[in-house]
Amino acid sequence: MHTISKILNAPPEETLDPDSWDDVHDLSHQIIDDAIGYLRDVRDRPVWQDMPSGTKTFFTTPLPQSPVPLADVYQQVTNTVMLYPMGNIHPRFWAWYMGSSNFTGALGDFLAAIQGSNLGGGNHAAALMDNQVIDWCKEMMGFPVSASGTLVSGGSMANIIGLTVARNVMAGVDVRELGVAAMERPLRFYGSDQVHSCHRKAMESLGLGNQALRRIATNGELRIDLAALRRAILEDRAAGYRPACIIGTAGTVNTGAIDDLDALATIAEEEGLWFHVDGCIGALIAISPHNAHRVAGIERADSLALDPHKWLHAPFEAGCALVRDAGLHRGAFAVTPEYLETAPRGLASAAWLHEYGLQTSRGFKALKIWMALKEHGIEKFGRLIDQNIEQGHYLSALIKAEPLLELVAPTTINIVCYRYRRAGLDDGRLKILNIEIMLRLQESGVAALSDTTVHGAHCLRVAINNHRTRRQDLDLLVRETIRIGELIG
């Protein structure tokens, strides 16, 4: 009785639900109206702008102890976060290869958060939609119906998923039980010297070490040199290593170069190696009407990484890993503790989605992809990919026509590498000049570019992965590059 009396006299029970749903209703309508205007008028704002010191100081305030009205909280977000974005939804954001989101996908993210499902699996609608989006990705990539897949945070994690399966299959021992120290011979993975840095992280995370990834020289088109690859495999076998996996790149991050995927698939078959494709830049070219031939052979991969938050423009974050052999995929990750055993009926009567990756708790990423694909249809996304590739070649033509500009690498798809040039300047001074041009373009809010180095040559890099970009934006970029270059003197 004493315990019951204490409970009855305890403070009232609380919740995070609002005191007034009517107030939340009114504010939510305002937020939606503001969001529509934010996207509608994106072209009228700077691509990027640095934050004043007062805004930066705002983000150092201490942990809140007492409540603040939601309307005031939203006003703080409006005055800080919304005014100073990274800029990747803007039509002249070309700094990195990101995608530019879409309003329907944002609604999907909101609804997913409201619905609140954990996509670790189970018998519920969100899990079925997750499976359906994976099936759609398999169809887009030409993978068999029997293949498996999982939605993850992005390309780095998608690649780690595929390379984990490759390691386990090629290890020669039960690496899950015994660890990599039990392998009789060290494994070797092969990618071009343009391979994304996430593959190094994958080698390190898988316990293989950076030296397990052998970078193969590229040719004049910055594609992996097939003869050099074959020689490397022979050399490694002779030296006591175990060649395990070829990593083909469908769109390098530097220039958009696409390896000869068909040829790599054939080499992998002949040599008995796993064939993984990093398609986070260009895999979705497979759905484009005029450029799909560029990724021929991608359907032959044993595993594939792609990013719906790039050319499907899903709001961040959304990556996808596909594996041809579902049994090998599940075998690399599945653990079934007693508290997650399946049941003949009820909530636990469906397969667990977490058995195909590293996360047990998984967000509902599928809804934002599903809704946008339903609204627009895959054909439109394919046309938008062709549009970006055409824009990349349009910009290349503008650069070739300007005596003060030069292409530093061939334009394969939609990534353009160029620099401003001036007679009498060596490479070091040209680099300083072009970095200053890049920074002034950013700081003026005109355009966001990045820079890189390709085979020793420094350049500005324009990655046109935005459904809002128009040719007039590229005309402006060329004019401003020349204007700033001449202004610097």
Protein backbone atom coordinates (compact mmCIF):
# COMPACT_ATOMS: atom_id res chain seq x y z
CA MET A 1 0.00 0.00 0.00
CA HIS A 2 2.87 2.35 0.78
CA THR A 3 4.27 1.94 -2.77
CA ILE A 4 0.87 2.59 -4.34
CA SER A 5 0.44 5.70 -2.19
CA LYS A 6 3.81 7.05 -3.35
CA ILE A 7 2.84 6.51 -6.98
CA LEU A 8 -0.52 8.23 -6.56
CA ASN A 9 1.19 11.24 -4.97
CA ALA A 10 3.94 11.45 -7.61
CA PRO A 11 4.14 14.42 -10.03
CA PRO A 12 1.89 14.25 -13.10
CA GLU A 13 3.17 12.04 -15.91
CA GLU A 14 4.61 13.93 -18.88
CA THR A 15 4.84 13.58 -22.64
CA LEU A 16 6.58 15.32 -25.55
CA ASP A 17 3.27 15.86 -27.31
CA PRO A 18 2.23 19.55 -27.40
CA ASP A 19 -0.17 21.13 -24.94
CA SER A 20 -2.11 22.57 -27.87
CA TRP A 21 -2.32 20.67 -31.15
CA ASP A 22 -4.06 23.71 -32.66
CA ASP A 23 -0.96 25.85 -32.08
CA VAL A 24 1.25 23.18 -33.64
CA HIS A 25 -1.14 22.95 -36.56
CA ASP A 26 -0.85 26.68 -37.28
CA LEU A 27 2.94 26.72 -36.94
CA SER A 28 3.30 23.63 -39.11
CA HIS A 29 1.36 25.35 -41.91
CA GLN A 30 3.72 28.31 -41.63
CA ILE A 31 6.75 26.01 -41.81
CA ILE A 32 5.40 24.32 -44.95
CA ASP A 33 4.69 27.70 -46.56
CA ASP A 34 8.20 28.88 -45.71
CA ALA A 35 9.70 25.64 -47.05
CA ILE A 36 7.93 26.01 -50.38
CA GLY A 37 9.20 29.57 -50.68
CA TYR A 38 12.69 28.46 -49.70
CA LEU A 39 12.89 26.08 -52.65
CA ARG A 40 10.89 28.23 -55.06
CA ASP A 41 13.23 31.20 -54.60
CA VAL A 42 16.50 29.30 -54.23
CA ARG A 43 17.95 30.87 -57.39
CA ASP A 44 17.55 34.36 -55.87
CA ARG A 45 19.85 33.59 -52.94
CA PRO A 46 23.64 33.26 -52.82
CA VAL A 47 24.86 29.72 -53.38
CA TRP A 48 26.85 30.00 -50.15
CA GLN A 49 27.74 32.75 -47.70
CA ASP A 50 29.97 32.78 -44.67
CA MET A 51 28.33 33.19 -41.30
CA PRO A 52 28.85 36.35 -39.25
CA SER A 53 30.53 35.89 -35.90
CA GLY A 54 27.22 36.35 -34.08
CA THR A 55 25.70 33.37 -35.84
CA LYS A 56 28.71 31.19 -35.11
CA THR A 57 28.53 32.24 -31.45
CA PHE A 58 24.86 31.18 -31.35
CA PHE A 59 25.98 27.58 -31.85
CA THR A 60 28.13 27.71 -28.73
CA THR A 61 25.26 28.39 -26.31
CA PRO A 62 24.95 25.87 -23.45
CA LEU A 63 22.55 22.98 -23.11
CA PRO A 64 18.98 24.26 -22.63
CA GLN A 65 17.49 23.46 -19.23
CA SER A 66 14.02 25.01 -19.51
CA PRO A 67 11.44 24.96 -22.30
CA VAL A 68 11.25 27.54 -25.10
CA PRO A 69 8.03 28.02 -27.12
CA LEU A 70 8.18 26.06 -30.37
CA ALA A 71 7.48 29.19 -32.43
CA ASP A 72 10.59 30.80 -30.90
CA VAL A 73 12.63 27.66 -31.59
CA TYR A 74 11.57 27.73 -35.22
CA GLN A 75 12.46 31.41 -35.48
CA GLN A 76 15.96 30.62 -34.22
CA VAL A 77 16.31 27.95 -36.91
CA THR A 78 15.06 30.37 -39.57
CA ASN A 79 17.57 33.05 -38.55
CA THR A 80 20.55 30.71 -38.43
CA VAL A 81 20.45 27.31 -40.11
CA MET A 82 18.19 28.22 -43.01
CA LEU A 83 20.15 31.37 -43.89
CA TYR A 84 23.54 29.66 -44.09
CA PRO A 85 23.23 26.32 -45.90
CA MET A 86 25.99 24.34 -47.54
CA GLY A 87 24.25 25.30 -50.76
CA ASN A 88 23.94 21.98 -52.57
CA ILE A 89 20.28 22.52 -53.50
CA HIS A 90 21.24 25.69 -55.40
CA PRO A 91 21.46 25.43 -59.22
CA ARG A 92 25.04 26.75 -59.19
CA PHE A 93 26.39 24.40 -56.52
CA TRP A 94 28.94 22.23 -58.31
CA ALA A 95 31.58 21.84 -55.60
CA TRP A 96 31.05 18.16 -54.87
CA TYR A 97 28.93 15.40 -56.30
CA MET A 98 25.91 15.42 -54.04
CA GLY A 99 22.47 15.66 -55.59
CA SER A 100 20.09 18.51 -54.96
CA SER A 101 17.13 16.97 -53.11
CA ASN A 102 13.48 17.44 -54.06
CA PHE A 103 10.39 18.65 -52.26
CA THR A 104 8.49 15.36 -52.51
CA GLY A 105 11.43 13.55 -50.97
CA ALA A 106 11.46 16.06 -48.13
CA LEU A 107 7.80 15.32 -47.49
CA GLY A 108 8.71 11.64 -47.50
CA ASP A 109 11.37 12.24 -44.86
CA PHE A 110 8.83 14.13 -42.74
CA LEU A 111 6.22 11.38 -43.05
CA ALA A 112 8.82 8.72 -42.30
CA ALA A 113 9.72 10.55 -39.10
CA ILE A 114 6.05 10.90 -38.17
CA GLN A 115 5.35 7.23 -38.83
CA GLY A 116 8.46 6.43 -36.83
CA SER A 117 9.20 2.85 -37.89
CA ASN A 118 12.54 1.20 -37.22
CA LEU A 119 13.66 -0.51 -40.40
CA GLY A 120 15.62 -3.20 -38.66
CA GLY A 121 12.83 -5.33 -40.05
CA GLY A 122 9.63 -6.95 -38.94
CA ASN A 123 6.12 -7.41 -40.27
CA HIS A 124 4.99 -3.86 -41.10
CA ALA A 125 4.40 -1.69 -44.16
CA ALA A 126 7.63 0.32 -43.99
CA ALA A 127 9.68 -2.89 -44.18
CA LEU A 128 7.77 -3.99 -47.28
CA MET A 129 8.42 -0.60 -48.88
CA ASP A 130 12.11 -0.89 -48.04
CA ASN A 131 12.19 -4.22 -49.87
CA GLN A 132 10.30 -2.73 -52.80
CA VAL A 133 12.78 0.12 -53.21
CA ILE A 134 15.62 -2.43 -53.18
CA ASP A 135 13.76 -4.40 -55.86
CA TRP A 136 13.45 -1.22 -57.93
CA CYS A 137 17.18 -0.55 -57.56
CA LYS A 138 17.94 -4.09 -58.71
CA GLU A 139 15.71 -3.57 -61.73
CA MET A 140 17.40 -0.26 -62.59
CA MET A 141 20.84 -1.90 -62.43
CA GLY A 142 19.91 -5.06 -64.31
CA PHE A 143 20.47 -7.30 -61.28
CA PRO A 144 18.51 -10.56 -60.97
CA VAL A 145 15.35 -10.74 -58.88
CA SER A 146 17.14 -13.19 -56.59
CA ALA A 147 19.78 -10.61 -55.63
CA SER A 148 19.68 -8.81 -52.29
CA GLY A 149 20.37 -5.31 -51.10
CA THR A 150 20.18 -2.85 -48.27
CA LEU A 151 19.65 0.89 -47.90
CA VAL A 152 22.47 2.61 -46.02
CA SER A 153 23.72 6.10 -45.26
CA GLY A 154 25.60 6.67 -48.51
CA GLY A 155 28.25 5.49 -50.90
CA SER A 156 31.03 4.91 -48.37
CA MET A 157 28.89 2.54 -46.34
CA ALA A 158 27.45 0.88 -49.46
CA ASN A 159 30.97 0.12 -50.64
CA ILE A 160 31.94 -1.25 -47.23
CA ILE A 161 28.93 -3.59 -47.35
CA GLY A 162 29.93 -5.00 -50.74
CA LEU A 163 33.63 -5.27 -49.88
CA THR A 164 32.83 -6.99 -46.58
CA VAL A 165 31.00 -9.72 -48.47
CA ALA A 166 33.93 -9.95 -50.91
CA ARG A 167 36.43 -10.31 -48.05
CA ASN A 168 34.42 -13.02 -46.34
CA VAL A 169 33.87 -15.01 -49.55
CA MET A 170 37.50 -14.78 -50.66
CA ALA A 171 39.20 -15.19 -47.27
CA GLY A 172 39.54 -18.97 -47.50
CA VAL A 173 38.59 -19.31 -43.84
CA ASP A 174 35.58 -18.49 -41.67
CA VAL A 175 36.72 -14.92 -41.12
CA ARG A 176 33.65 -14.04 -39.07
CA GLU A 177 34.54 -16.69 -36.52
CA LEU A 178 38.34 -16.73 -36.71
CA GLY A 179 39.22 -13.21 -37.87
CA VAL A 180 41.57 -12.03 -40.58
CA ALA A 181 44.63 -13.35 -38.70
CA ALA A 182 43.54 -16.88 -39.61
CA MET A 183 43.86 -16.27 -43.35
CA GLU A 184 46.70 -18.26 -44.90
CA ARG A 185 47.52 -15.56 -47.47
CA PRO A 186 46.93 -11.79 -47.36
CA LEU A 187 44.15 -10.62 -49.66
CA ARG A 188 44.64 -8.14 -52.47
CA PHE A 189 41.96 -5.79 -53.81
CA TYR A 190 42.47 -3.83 -57.05
CA GLY A 191 41.15 -0.43 -58.10
CA SER A 192 42.39 2.39 -60.29
CA ASP A 193 44.61 5.19 -59.01
CA GLN A 194 41.46 7.33 -59.20
CA VAL A 195 39.49 5.12 -56.76
CA HIS A 196 37.52 6.91 -54.04
CA SER A 197 39.14 7.31 -50.62
CA CYS A 198 36.33 5.33 -48.97
CA HIS A 199 37.98 2.16 -50.29
CA ARG A 200 41.04 2.83 -48.19
CA LYS A 201 38.77 3.27 -45.18
CA ALA A 202 37.09 -0.01 -46.10
CA MET A 203 40.42 -1.86 -46.19
CA GLU A 204 41.35 -0.42 -42.82
CA SER A 205 37.94 -1.17 -41.28
CA LEU A 206 38.01 -4.74 -42.59
CA GLY A 207 41.34 -5.36 -40.89
CA LEU A 208 43.21 -5.76 -44.17
CA GLY A 209 45.18 -2.51 -44.13
CA ASN A 210 45.70 0.12 -46.77
CA GLN A 211 48.35 -1.98 -48.53
CA ALA A 212 45.71 -4.58 -49.37
CA LEU A 213 44.32 -2.09 -51.91
CA ARG A 214 46.58 -2.01 -54.94
CA ARG A 215 46.07 1.12 -57.03
CA ILE A 216 46.44 0.41 -60.74
CA ALA A 217 47.61 3.09 -63.17
CA THR A 218 45.08 4.71 -65.48
CA ASN A 219 45.27 5.51 -69.18
CA GLY A 220 44.82 8.83 -70.96
CA GLU A 221 41.06 8.67 -70.36
CA LEU A 222 41.71 8.07 -66.63
CA ARG A 223 40.24 4.56 -66.84
CA ILE A 224 41.97 1.62 -65.20
CA ASP A 225 44.74 0.14 -67.39
CA LEU A 226 43.60 -3.43 -68.08
CA ALA A 227 47.03 -4.75 -68.99
CA ALA A 228 48.53 -3.26 -65.83
CA LEU A 229 45.74 -4.87 -63.82
CA ARG A 230 46.47 -8.32 -65.25
CA ARG A 231 50.18 -7.90 -64.51
CA ALA A 232 49.45 -6.88 -60.93
CA ILE A 233 47.30 -9.96 -60.34
CA LEU A 234 50.06 -12.24 -61.67
CA GLU A 235 52.71 -10.48 -59.60
CA ASP A 236 50.69 -10.75 -56.41
CA ARG A 237 49.99 -14.45 -56.88
CA ALA A 238 53.69 -15.08 -57.47
CA ALA A 239 54.52 -13.09 -54.32
CA GLY A 240 52.21 -15.22 -52.15
CA TYR A 241 49.21 -12.90 -51.95
CA ARG A 242 45.65 -13.96 -52.71
CA PRO A 243 43.99 -11.72 -55.33
CA ALA A 244 40.43 -11.32 -54.11
CA CYS A 245 38.48 -8.47 -55.69
CA ILE A 246 38.48 -6.04 -58.58
CA ILE A 247 36.85 -2.69 -57.82
CA GLY A 248 35.48 -1.11 -60.98
CA THR A 249 34.60 2.56 -60.85
CA ALA A 250 31.50 3.78 -62.66
CA GLY A 251 32.40 7.46 -62.49
CA THR A 252 35.51 8.61 -60.66
CA VAL A 253 35.07 11.42 -58.18
CA ASN A 254 37.80 13.52 -59.80
CA THR A 255 36.73 13.46 -63.45
CA GLY A 256 33.77 11.12 -63.89
CA ALA A 257 35.86 8.58 -65.81
CA ILE A 258 34.17 5.20 -66.14
CA ASP A 259 36.23 2.01 -66.18
CA ASP A 260 35.58 -0.62 -68.85
CA LEU A 261 33.18 -2.56 -66.64
CA ASP A 262 32.55 -5.34 -69.16
CA ALA A 263 36.26 -5.99 -69.50
CA LEU A 264 36.74 -5.93 -65.73
CA ALA A 265 33.89 -8.40 -65.25
CA THR A 266 35.56 -10.73 -67.76
CA ILE A 267 38.95 -10.48 -66.03
CA ALA A 268 37.30 -11.19 -62.68
CA GLU A 269 35.61 -14.29 -64.10
CA GLU A 270 38.83 -15.55 -65.69
CA GLU A 271 40.86 -14.97 -62.54
CA GLY A 272 38.23 -16.22 -60.08
CA LEU A 273 37.89 -12.84 -58.34
CA TRP A 274 34.97 -10.97 -56.84
CA PHE A 275 33.83 -8.04 -59.00
CA HIS A 276 32.62 -5.00 -57.09
CA VAL A 277 31.49 -1.78 -58.76
CA ASP A 278 31.63 1.58 -57.04
CA GLY A 279 28.75 3.24 -58.87
CA CYS A 280 28.11 6.07 -56.43
CA ILE A 281 28.85 8.66 -59.12
CA GLY A 282 27.57 7.02 -62.27
CA ALA A 283 25.71 3.74 -61.72
CA LEU A 284 22.36 5.39 -62.32
CA ILE A 285 23.47 6.31 -65.84
CA ALA A 286 22.05 2.85 -66.52
CA ILE A 287 18.56 4.39 -66.53
CA SER A 288 19.40 7.23 -68.94
CA PRO A 289 18.09 6.97 -72.53
CA HIS A 290 21.21 8.22 -74.31
CA ASN A 291 24.13 7.38 -72.02
CA ALA A 292 23.35 3.96 -70.54
CA HIS A 293 25.97 2.37 -72.82
CA ARG A 294 28.67 4.08 -70.75
CA VAL A 295 28.09 1.67 -67.85
CA ALA A 296 27.63 -1.53 -69.87
CA GLY A 297 28.72 -4.46 -67.76
CA ILE A 298 27.54 -3.04 -64.46
CA GLU A 299 24.86 -5.73 -64.38
CA ARG A 300 27.64 -8.36 -64.17
CA ALA A 301 28.94 -7.13 -60.82
CA ASP A 302 28.92 -9.39 -57.77
CA SER A 303 28.24 -6.33 -55.63
CA LEU A 304 27.42 -2.73 -56.40
CA ALA A 305 27.26 0.56 -54.50
CA LEU A 306 24.99 3.39 -55.67
CA ASP A 307 23.59 6.57 -54.19
CA PRO A 308 19.89 7.52 -54.49
CA HIS A 309 20.80 10.87 -52.89
CA LYS A 310 22.78 11.75 -56.00
CA TRP A 311 21.03 11.23 -59.33
CA LEU A 312 17.70 10.22 -57.79
CA HIS A 313 17.97 13.44 -55.74
CA ALA A 314 16.68 11.89 -52.54
CA PRO A 315 17.26 14.15 -49.52
CA PHE A 316 20.36 13.16 -47.58
CA GLU A 317 21.07 10.53 -46.71
CA ALA A 318 20.35 7.49 -48.92
CA GLY A 319 22.83 4.95 -50.25
CA CYS A 320 22.25 1.44 -51.53
CA ALA A 321 24.34 -1.74 -51.65
CA LEU A 322 23.31 -4.60 -53.96
CA VAL A 323 24.74 -8.13 -53.85
CA ARG A 324 24.12 -10.70 -56.57
CA ASP A 325 24.12 -13.71 -54.21
CA ALA A 326 21.65 -13.04 -51.40
CA GLY A 327 22.92 -16.01 -49.39
CA LEU A 328 26.47 -14.71 -49.36
CA HIS A 329 25.19 -11.24 -48.46
CA ARG A 330 23.18 -12.42 -45.49
CA GLY A 331 25.95 -14.78 -44.46
CA ALA A 332 28.33 -11.85 -44.05
CA PHE A 333 26.19 -10.03 -41.47
CA ALA A 334 23.34 -12.12 -40.00
CA VAL A 335 23.29 -12.64 -36.25
CA THR A 336 20.09 -13.86 -34.62
CA PRO A 337 20.02 -13.36 -30.85
CA GLU A 338 17.23 -14.84 -28.81
CA TYR A 339 15.38 -11.53 -28.60
CA LEU A 340 15.16 -11.24 -32.39
CA GLU A 341 13.98 -14.71 -33.33
CA THR A 342 11.21 -14.85 -35.91
CA ALA A 343 7.69 -15.89 -34.88
CA PRO A 344 4.98 -17.74 -36.84
CA ARG A 345 2.65 -14.74 -36.63
CA GLY A 346 2.66 -11.14 -35.44
CA LEU A 347 5.23 -8.37 -35.64
CA ALA A 348 8.28 -10.67 -35.76
CA SER A 349 6.92 -12.95 -38.49
CA ALA A 350 8.93 -11.34 -41.34
CA ALA A 351 12.60 -11.40 -42.28
CA TRP A 352 14.91 -9.04 -40.43
CA LEU A 353 16.37 -6.39 -42.72
CA HIS A 354 19.26 -5.71 -40.36
CA GLU A 355 20.73 -9.09 -41.32
CA TYR A 356 22.09 -7.52 -44.52
CA GLY A 357 24.21 -4.79 -42.97
CA LEU A 358 25.84 -3.39 -39.85
CA GLN A 359 22.92 -1.44 -38.35
CA THR A 360 20.21 -3.00 -36.22
CA SER A 361 18.41 0.33 -35.88
CA ARG A 362 17.71 1.70 -39.35
CA GLY A 363 15.84 4.81 -40.43
CA PHE A 364 12.96 4.70 -42.91
CA LYS A 365 14.97 5.90 -45.93
CA ALA A 366 12.81 4.14 -48.49
CA LEU A 367 9.77 6.45 -48.29
CA LYS A 368 11.48 9.56 -49.69
CA ILE A 369 12.87 7.54 -52.61
CA TRP A 370 9.58 5.72 -53.21
CA MET A 371 7.44 8.86 -53.24
CA ALA A 372 9.66 10.75 -55.70
CA LEU A 373 9.90 7.76 -58.05
CA LYS A 374 6.14 7.36 -57.93
CA GLU A 375 5.52 11.05 -58.59
CA HIS A 376 7.97 11.51 -61.49
CA GLY A 377 8.56 8.02 -62.89
CA ILE A 378 11.96 6.56 -63.66
CA GLU A 379 11.97 7.88 -67.24
CA LYS A 380 12.14 11.48 -66.03
CA PHE A 381 15.08 10.74 -63.75
CA GLY A 382 16.82 9.15 -66.73
CA ARG A 383 16.23 12.26 -68.82
CA LEU A 384 17.62 14.46 -66.03
CA ILE A 385 20.81 12.38 -66.03
CA ASP A 386 21.15 12.89 -69.78
CA GLN A 387 20.51 16.60 -69.19
CA ASN A 388 23.37 16.89 -66.68
CA ILE A 389 25.74 15.01 -68.98
CA GLU A 390 24.80 17.27 -71.88
CA GLN A 391 25.43 20.28 -69.63
CA GLY A 392 28.87 18.94 -68.77
CA HIS A 393 29.79 18.74 -72.44
CA TYR A 394 28.24 22.17 -73.06
CA LEU A 395 30.51 23.65 -70.39
CA SER A 396 33.50 21.85 -71.87
CA ALA A 397 32.73 23.40 -75.26
CA LEU A 398 32.54 26.87 -73.67
CA ILE A 399 35.92 26.34 -72.03
CA LYS A 400 37.54 25.10 -75.23
CA ALA A 401 36.30 28.24 -77.00
CA GLU A 402 37.93 30.58 -74.44
CA PRO A 403 41.66 31.30 -74.90
CA LEU A 404 42.01 32.11 -71.19
CA LEU A 405 40.62 28.74 -70.07
CA GLU A 406 41.72 25.16 -70.61
CA LEU A 407 40.42 21.69 -69.87
CA VAL A 408 42.75 19.72 -67.62
CA ALA A 409 41.08 16.32 -68.10
CA PRO A 410 38.70 14.84 -70.65
CA THR A 411 35.02 15.29 -69.85
CA THR A 412 33.38 11.87 -69.81
CA ILE A 413 30.04 12.61 -68.23
CA ASN A 414 29.11 15.60 -66.09
CA ILE A 415 32.32 16.47 -64.22
CA VAL A 416 34.43 19.19 -65.83
CA CYS A 417 38.02 19.92 -64.77
CA TYR A 418 39.44 23.20 -66.03
CA ARG A 419 41.62 26.13 -65.05
CA TYR A 420 42.20 29.76 -65.84
CA ARG A 421 45.57 30.20 -67.54
CA ARG A 422 47.89 33.11 -68.08
CA ALA A 423 51.09 33.26 -70.07
CA GLY A 424 54.25 33.40 -68.02
CA LEU A 425 52.89 31.68 -64.91
CA ASP A 426 54.31 28.34 -63.82
CA ASP A 427 52.12 25.58 -62.39
CA GLY A 428 52.60 26.74 -58.81
CA ARG A 429 51.48 30.29 -59.50
CA LEU A 430 48.62 29.06 -61.69
CA LYS A 431 47.43 26.95 -58.77
CA ILE A 432 47.43 29.97 -56.44
CA LEU A 433 45.55 32.01 -59.03
CA ASN A 434 42.88 29.37 -59.63
CA ILE A 435 42.33 28.74 -55.93
CA GLU A 436 41.73 32.47 -55.48
CA ILE A 437 39.21 32.40 -58.34
CA MET A 438 37.42 29.48 -56.68
CA LEU A 439 37.29 31.23 -53.31
CA ARG A 440 35.98 34.49 -54.77
CA LEU A 441 33.27 32.60 -56.66
CA GLN A 442 32.22 31.00 -53.38
CA GLU A 443 32.42 34.15 -51.26
CA SER A 444 30.46 36.20 -53.80
CA GLY A 445 27.70 33.60 -53.74
CA VAL A 446 27.85 33.25 -57.54
CA ALA A 447 28.91 29.61 -57.70
CA ALA A 448 30.42 26.88 -55.55
CA LEU A 449 33.27 24.95 -57.15
CA SER A 450 35.90 22.67 -55.66
CA ASP A 451 39.45 22.02 -56.77
CA THR A 452 41.46 18.87 -57.22
CA THR A 453 44.64 17.51 -58.76
CA VAL A 454 44.51 15.09 -61.68
CA HIS A 455 47.77 13.32 -62.56
CA GLY A 456 49.77 16.16 -61.09
CA ALA A 457 47.76 19.00 -62.65
CA HIS A 458 45.80 21.30 -60.33
CA CYS A 459 42.37 22.37 -61.60
CA LEU A 460 38.93 23.64 -60.72
CA ARG A 461 36.26 20.97 -60.64
CA VAL A 462 32.62 21.42 -61.66
CA ALA A 463 30.31 18.52 -60.80
CA ILE A 464 26.94 19.17 -62.46
CA ASN A 465 24.65 16.91 -60.49
CA ASN A 466 21.70 19.25 -60.06
CA HIS A 467 18.25 19.13 -61.64
CA ARG A 468 17.96 22.92 -61.25
CA THR A 469 21.08 23.83 -63.27
CA ARG A 470 20.53 25.57 -66.61
CA ARG A 471 22.94 26.42 -69.46
CA GLN A 472 22.69 30.10 -68.48
CA ASP A 473 24.30 29.19 -65.14
CA LEU A 474 27.24 27.68 -66.98
CA ASP A 475 27.53 30.75 -69.21
CA LEU A 476 27.70 32.85 -66.05
CA LEU A 477 30.40 30.59 -64.56
CA VAL A 478 32.66 31.05 -67.59
CA ARG A 479 32.16 34.82 -67.62
CA GLU A 480 32.85 35.16 -63.91
CA THR A 481 35.91 32.92 -64.02
CA ILE A 482 37.43 35.13 -66.71
CA ARG A 483 36.35 38.36 -65.01
CA ILE A 484 37.85 37.39 -61.65
CA GLY A 485 40.99 36.06 -63.29
CA GLU A 486 41.55 39.32 -65.11
CA LEU A 487 40.66 41.34 -62.00
CA ILE A 488 43.27 39.57 -59.91
CA GLY A 489 45.81 40.55 -62.56
